[in-house]
Amino acid sequence: MIKVIYIAGFGRSGSTLLGNILGSLHGFIHVGELRYLWDRGFLEDWDCGCGKSFSQCSFWQKVIKDINFPHVIAPHLVNVRERGIHSRHLLYPFTVRKLMMNKMNEYLYWLKLLYQSISEHTGCEWIVDSSKFPSHGYLLDNITNINLYILHLVRDPRTVSYAWWKRTKNLGLKSNRNIMPRFNPIKSATLWLEWNYIIHHTWSYNKNYIFLRYEDFVMQPRSSIFKILAHLGLPKEYCDTIFINENTVKIATQHTISGNPVRFQKGVISVLSSYQDMENLGLGWRSIVSLITLPLLKKFHYALQS
């Protein structure tokens, strides 16, 4: 069985940083947002986390060669992905979801070969995928040779709304498509509520479900990784090779597809220094976002008013 740790949650919640830390552990590899391999890899040739373009990265080219993937079908797979099962569909009755999944067999076939090739090529026991989409996690959960662990990462929706609205993020790419999209607070808050509800509803009663708040992670990163390892049945000594102290960690080069520009970081970093609060989101917008996300604020232990 291939063990996949799937970081699920809404964007701008710190999944790339968390994935990079996990990927730096012995026996782990972080592959980034693998959901976008077909378009951002094959079609747009984005830079890998190692700094080379996808087409020039020896790691990915070996992985793809192993599965004899015909590059010409990449646009077709993008189309299947976009027209296939969406995150909101996870709330549909099981019989409806099963019928929808029957149309995804070809897509699942290539995903299965892809993760299998990554596992065989690297020799890593754990593959970390930070695609975040509930729908992609559901697809992985329906692949027979994958043992899926859902790592549900949640960040305060008021911070997330500010990040989507006001912070212009340069993707750090050599291409022209170099700026992350922006949402207004109402849209980001609505999506935050939808995605996090779906993730919790779908997997929270599964023994392989792990919940983590971003704020707890950045304040105590080493302790947070300890808890994740304990859930995976691994000793905390796994952290000894990368953590210098509670807050300081040594990041190894990652072969990540897509994601926040922090994926290019390597070497010694302070996790706490990456923390950014929500002070620049005005009181009115904070109140609106709080009202929209109210159903989950208490469940995830966030104050109703920030």
Protein backbone atom coordinates (compact mmCIF):
# COMPACT_ATOMS: atom_id res chain seq x y z
CA MET A 1 0.00 0.00 0.00
CA ILE A 2 1.15 3.53 -0.82
CA LYS A 3 0.79 5.85 2.17
CA VAL A 4 -0.37 9.32 1.20
CA ILE A 5 -0.72 12.22 3.64
CA TYR A 6 -3.19 14.57 2.01
CA ILE A 7 -3.18 18.13 3.35
CA ALA A 8 -6.79 19.27 2.93
CA GLY A 9 -8.15 22.75 3.61
CA PHE A 10 -8.73 26.12 2.02
CA GLY A 11 -5.95 28.07 0.27
CA ARG A 12 -3.60 30.45 2.11
CA SER A 13 -3.67 28.24 5.19
CA GLY A 14 0.01 27.29 5.35
CA SER A 15 -0.18 23.93 3.57
CA THR A 16 2.99 24.48 1.53
CA LEU A 17 5.13 25.23 4.58
CA LEU A 18 3.67 22.28 6.48
CA GLY A 19 4.21 20.03 3.47
CA ASN A 20 7.82 21.14 3.09
CA ILE A 21 8.56 20.33 6.73
CA LEU A 22 6.95 16.90 6.49
CA GLY A 23 8.71 16.29 3.18
CA SER A 24 12.06 16.96 4.83
CA LEU A 25 11.62 14.04 7.25
CA HIS A 26 13.34 10.74 6.52
CA GLY A 27 11.12 8.53 4.38
CA PHE A 28 8.80 11.40 3.34
CA ILE A 29 8.49 13.37 0.11
CA HIS A 30 6.36 16.46 -0.52
CA VAL A 31 5.09 16.64 -4.11
CA GLY A 32 3.09 19.87 -3.76
CA GLU A 33 -0.32 20.32 -5.42
CA LEU A 34 -0.26 17.21 -7.57
CA ARG A 35 -3.82 17.90 -8.71
CA TYR A 36 -2.33 20.46 -11.11
CA LEU A 37 0.31 18.20 -12.64
CA TRP A 38 -1.48 17.91 -16.00
CA ASP A 39 -1.85 21.65 -16.66
CA ARG A 40 0.81 23.44 -14.60
CA GLY A 41 3.33 20.70 -15.28
CA PHE A 42 2.81 19.35 -18.80
CA LEU A 43 1.00 22.28 -20.42
CA GLU A 44 2.45 25.38 -18.73
CA ASP A 45 5.83 24.02 -17.59
CA TRP A 46 5.82 25.72 -14.19
CA ASP A 47 8.95 25.61 -12.07
CA CYS A 48 9.39 22.64 -9.76
CA GLY A 49 10.22 23.35 -6.12
CA CYS A 50 13.82 22.40 -6.92
CA GLY A 51 14.08 25.54 -9.08
CA LYS A 52 14.10 23.86 -12.48
CA SER A 53 11.15 23.91 -14.85
CA PHE A 54 8.96 20.80 -14.87
CA SER A 55 10.31 19.71 -18.25
CA GLN A 56 13.90 20.06 -17.00
CA CYS A 57 13.44 18.44 -13.59
CA SER A 58 15.06 15.01 -13.69
CA PHE A 59 12.91 13.78 -10.79
CA TRP A 60 9.59 14.38 -12.54
CA GLN A 61 10.82 13.26 -15.94
CA LYS A 62 11.89 9.90 -14.48
CA VAL A 63 8.57 9.51 -12.66
CA ILE A 64 6.63 10.24 -15.87
CA LYS A 65 8.84 7.99 -17.98
CA ASP A 66 8.19 5.08 -15.60
CA ILE A 67 4.44 5.18 -16.31
CA ASN A 68 4.77 5.76 -20.07
CA PHE A 69 2.45 8.74 -19.87
CA PRO A 70 1.45 10.10 -23.29
CA HIS A 71 1.87 13.88 -22.98
CA VAL A 72 -0.79 14.55 -25.60
CA ILE A 73 -3.59 13.45 -23.26
CA ALA A 74 -2.73 16.04 -20.59
CA PRO A 75 -5.40 18.52 -21.89
CA HIS A 76 -7.94 15.70 -21.86
CA LEU A 77 -7.19 14.89 -18.21
CA VAL A 78 -7.52 18.56 -17.27
CA ASN A 79 -10.94 18.53 -18.92
CA VAL A 80 -11.94 15.32 -17.11
CA ARG A 81 -10.83 16.84 -13.80
CA GLU A 82 -12.74 20.08 -14.30
CA ARG A 83 -15.91 18.37 -15.55
CA GLY A 84 -15.74 15.51 -13.06
CA ILE A 85 -16.49 15.31 -9.36
CA HIS A 86 -16.30 18.63 -7.49
CA SER A 87 -15.94 19.21 -3.77
CA ARG A 88 -19.64 20.04 -3.26
CA HIS A 89 -20.51 16.66 -4.77
CA LEU A 90 -19.10 14.97 -1.68
CA LEU A 91 -22.31 16.00 0.10
CA TYR A 92 -24.42 14.04 -2.41
CA PRO A 93 -25.80 10.58 -1.48
CA PHE A 94 -23.34 7.71 -1.88
CA THR A 95 -25.21 6.20 -4.84
CA VAL A 96 -24.97 9.48 -6.75
CA ARG A 97 -21.28 9.84 -5.96
CA LYS A 98 -20.66 6.27 -7.11
CA LEU A 99 -22.25 7.00 -10.48
CA MET A 100 -20.11 10.13 -10.84
CA MET A 101 -16.97 8.22 -9.91
CA ASN A 102 -17.65 5.69 -12.67
CA LYS A 103 -16.90 8.48 -15.15
CA MET A 104 -13.49 9.08 -13.51
CA ASN A 105 -11.99 5.62 -14.13
CA GLU A 106 -9.44 6.82 -16.69
CA TYR A 107 -8.40 9.69 -14.43
CA LEU A 108 -8.05 7.34 -11.44
CA TYR A 109 -5.97 4.96 -13.56
CA TRP A 110 -3.33 7.61 -14.26
CA LEU A 111 -3.38 8.92 -10.68
CA LYS A 112 -2.77 5.40 -9.40
CA LEU A 113 0.20 4.90 -11.71
CA LEU A 114 1.57 8.34 -10.83
CA TYR A 115 1.62 7.84 -7.06
CA GLN A 116 2.95 4.33 -7.51
CA SER A 117 5.82 5.64 -9.65
CA ILE A 118 6.66 8.35 -7.10
CA SER A 119 6.76 5.74 -4.35
CA GLU A 120 8.93 3.33 -6.32
CA HIS A 121 11.24 6.01 -7.72
CA THR A 122 11.95 7.66 -4.36
CA GLY A 123 11.71 4.68 -2.04
CA CYS A 124 9.82 6.95 0.36
CA GLU A 125 7.17 5.36 2.56
CA TRP A 126 5.10 8.55 2.84
CA ILE A 127 3.98 10.86 0.01
CA VAL A 128 2.73 14.30 1.10
CA ASP A 129 0.25 15.93 -1.29
CA SER A 130 -0.87 19.49 -0.48
CA SER A 131 -3.53 19.87 -3.20
CA LYS A 132 -6.10 20.85 -0.51
CA PHE A 133 -9.20 20.28 -2.68
CA PRO A 134 -11.70 17.95 -0.94
CA SER A 135 -12.53 16.51 -4.36
CA HIS A 136 -8.95 15.44 -5.05
CA GLY A 137 -8.72 13.85 -1.61
CA TYR A 138 -11.89 11.91 -2.39
CA LEU A 139 -10.38 10.63 -5.62
CA LEU A 140 -7.30 9.41 -3.76
CA ASP A 141 -9.56 7.75 -1.20
CA ASN A 142 -11.05 5.70 -4.05
CA ILE A 143 -7.73 4.32 -5.32
CA THR A 144 -7.32 0.76 -4.07
CA ASN A 145 -3.56 0.75 -3.44
CA ILE A 146 -3.49 4.07 -1.52
CA ASN A 147 -3.76 4.23 2.26
CA LEU A 148 -4.95 7.82 2.71
CA TYR A 149 -4.39 10.03 5.72
CA ILE A 150 -6.33 13.30 5.72
CA LEU A 151 -4.41 16.12 7.43
CA HIS A 152 -7.09 18.79 7.84
CA LEU A 153 -5.30 22.14 8.13
CA VAL A 154 -7.48 25.08 9.20
CA ARG A 155 -6.55 28.76 9.55
CA ASP A 156 -8.62 31.60 11.05
CA PRO A 157 -11.00 32.67 8.24
CA ARG A 158 -10.41 36.37 8.94
CA THR A 159 -6.69 35.93 8.33
CA VAL A 160 -7.38 33.84 5.24
CA SER A 161 -9.80 36.42 3.86
CA TYR A 162 -7.22 39.16 4.25
CA ALA A 163 -4.59 37.00 2.54
CA TRP A 164 -6.85 36.37 -0.46
CA TRP A 165 -8.01 39.98 -0.71
CA LYS A 166 -5.09 42.26 0.07
CA ARG A 167 -1.89 40.29 -0.26
CA THR A 168 -0.49 40.16 -3.76
CA LYS A 169 1.49 36.94 -4.00
CA ASN A 170 4.24 36.57 -6.58
CA LEU A 171 4.52 32.89 -7.47
CA GLY A 172 8.26 33.11 -8.01
CA LEU A 173 8.04 31.70 -11.53
CA LYS A 174 9.97 32.59 -14.66
CA SER A 175 6.71 32.66 -16.65
CA ASN A 176 4.34 35.60 -17.16
CA ARG A 177 1.58 33.91 -15.14
CA ASN A 178 3.20 34.90 -11.89
CA ILE A 179 0.55 36.40 -9.60
CA MET A 180 -1.83 34.36 -7.43
CA PRO A 181 -5.55 35.17 -7.90
CA ARG A 182 -7.41 37.39 -5.41
CA PHE A 183 -10.88 36.97 -3.88
CA ASN A 184 -13.01 39.47 -2.01
CA PRO A 185 -13.68 38.59 1.68
CA ILE A 186 -17.24 37.37 1.06
CA LYS A 187 -16.14 34.85 -1.58
CA SER A 188 -13.13 33.59 0.40
CA ALA A 189 -15.19 33.28 3.61
CA THR A 190 -17.92 31.33 1.78
CA LEU A 191 -15.38 28.97 0.22
CA TRP A 192 -13.59 28.58 3.58
CA LEU A 193 -16.87 27.50 5.17
CA GLU A 194 -17.81 25.19 2.30
CA TRP A 195 -14.48 23.41 1.98
CA ASN A 196 -13.80 22.98 5.68
CA TYR A 197 -17.33 21.73 6.32
CA ILE A 198 -17.03 19.18 3.51
CA ILE A 199 -13.65 17.94 4.74
CA HIS A 200 -14.85 17.60 8.32
CA HIS A 201 -18.14 16.00 7.23
CA THR A 202 -16.42 13.50 4.93
CA TRP A 203 -13.46 12.35 7.02
CA SER A 204 -13.68 13.47 10.67
CA TYR A 205 -14.92 10.04 11.81
CA ASN A 206 -12.17 8.24 9.90
CA LYS A 207 -9.30 6.84 11.99
CA ASN A 208 -6.85 8.37 9.47
CA TYR A 209 -8.18 11.91 10.00
CA ILE A 210 -5.81 14.43 11.63
CA PHE A 211 -6.93 17.95 12.56
CA LEU A 212 -4.46 20.84 12.88
CA ARG A 213 -4.94 24.56 13.28
CA TYR A 214 -2.40 26.73 11.49
CA GLU A 215 -2.07 29.02 14.52
CA ASP A 216 -1.09 26.07 16.76
CA PHE A 217 1.33 24.85 14.12
CA VAL A 218 3.27 28.12 13.77
CA MET A 219 3.41 28.66 17.54
CA GLN A 220 4.62 25.13 18.25
CA PRO A 221 5.79 23.58 14.98
CA ARG A 222 7.90 20.81 16.43
CA SER A 223 5.19 19.74 18.87
CA SER A 224 2.65 19.82 16.04
CA ILE A 225 4.80 17.54 13.89
CA PHE A 226 5.20 15.23 16.93
CA LYS A 227 1.41 14.88 17.10
CA ILE A 228 1.16 14.11 13.39
CA LEU A 229 3.89 11.48 13.65
CA ALA A 230 2.18 9.90 16.65
CA HIS A 231 -1.02 9.58 14.61
CA LEU A 232 0.99 7.91 11.84
CA GLY A 233 2.47 5.49 14.36
CA LEU A 234 5.98 6.96 14.06
CA PRO A 235 8.36 7.97 16.88
CA LYS A 236 9.01 11.65 17.55
CA GLU A 237 12.73 11.02 16.96
CA TYR A 238 11.95 11.44 13.26
CA CYS A 239 12.08 15.18 13.95
CA ASP A 240 15.60 15.16 15.38
CA THR A 241 17.32 15.43 12.00
CA ILE A 242 15.48 18.55 10.84
CA PHE A 243 14.44 20.55 13.93
CA ILE A 244 17.12 22.68 15.56
CA ASN A 245 14.72 23.80 18.30
CA GLU A 246 10.93 24.13 18.76
CA ASN A 247 10.64 26.87 16.15
CA THR A 248 13.61 26.42 13.82
CA VAL A 249 13.72 23.76 11.13
CA LYS A 250 15.97 22.77 8.24
CA ILE A 251 14.03 22.40 4.98
CA ALA A 252 15.33 20.09 2.27
CA THR A 253 14.86 20.71 -1.46
CA GLN A 254 11.34 19.69 -2.49
CA HIS A 255 10.03 18.57 -5.88
CA THR A 256 6.71 20.36 -5.60
CA ILE A 257 4.16 20.97 -8.34
CA SER A 258 2.42 24.34 -7.89
CA GLY A 259 1.76 25.99 -4.52
CA ASN A 260 2.73 29.05 -2.53
CA PRO A 261 6.16 30.53 -3.41
CA VAL A 262 7.43 29.38 0.00
CA ARG A 263 7.87 26.01 -1.71
CA PHE A 264 11.17 27.29 -3.13
CA GLN A 265 12.58 27.90 0.35
CA LYS A 266 15.23 25.57 1.66
CA GLY A 267 17.75 25.60 4.46
CA VAL A 268 17.20 26.81 8.02
CA ILE A 269 14.01 28.83 8.61
CA SER A 270 12.06 30.16 11.60
CA VAL A 271 8.48 28.92 11.35
CA LEU A 272 7.09 31.60 13.68
CA SER A 273 8.47 34.38 11.49
CA SER A 274 6.13 33.21 8.72
CA TYR A 275 3.08 33.96 10.87
CA GLN A 276 0.99 36.94 9.75
CA ASP A 277 -2.06 38.13 11.64
CA MET A 278 -5.29 39.74 10.45
CA GLU A 279 -4.84 43.25 11.84
CA ASN A 280 -5.15 44.86 8.40
CA LEU A 281 -8.62 43.44 7.70
CA GLY A 282 -10.99 46.22 8.78
CA LEU A 283 -13.51 45.75 11.59
CA GLY A 284 -16.46 45.73 9.19
CA TRP A 285 -15.02 43.01 7.00
CA ARG A 286 -13.91 40.99 10.03
CA SER A 287 -17.49 41.07 11.30
CA ILE A 288 -18.89 39.98 7.93
CA VAL A 289 -16.38 37.13 7.61
CA SER A 290 -17.11 36.07 11.20
CA LEU A 291 -20.83 35.98 10.47
CA ILE A 292 -20.41 33.91 7.30
CA THR A 293 -18.10 31.38 8.95
CA LEU A 294 -19.94 31.34 12.30
CA PRO A 295 -21.11 27.68 11.98
CA LEU A 296 -17.51 26.43 12.16
CA LEU A 297 -15.72 29.06 14.28
CA LYS A 298 -16.65 27.47 17.60
CA LYS A 299 -16.08 23.93 16.35
CA PHE A 300 -12.53 24.86 15.35
CA HIS A 301 -11.97 26.85 18.58
CA TYR A 302 -11.79 30.35 17.10
CA ALA A 303 -13.13 33.44 18.84
CA LEU A 304 -16.45 34.64 17.45
CA GLN A 305 -15.09 38.20 17.37
CA SER A 306 -11.48 38.86 16.44
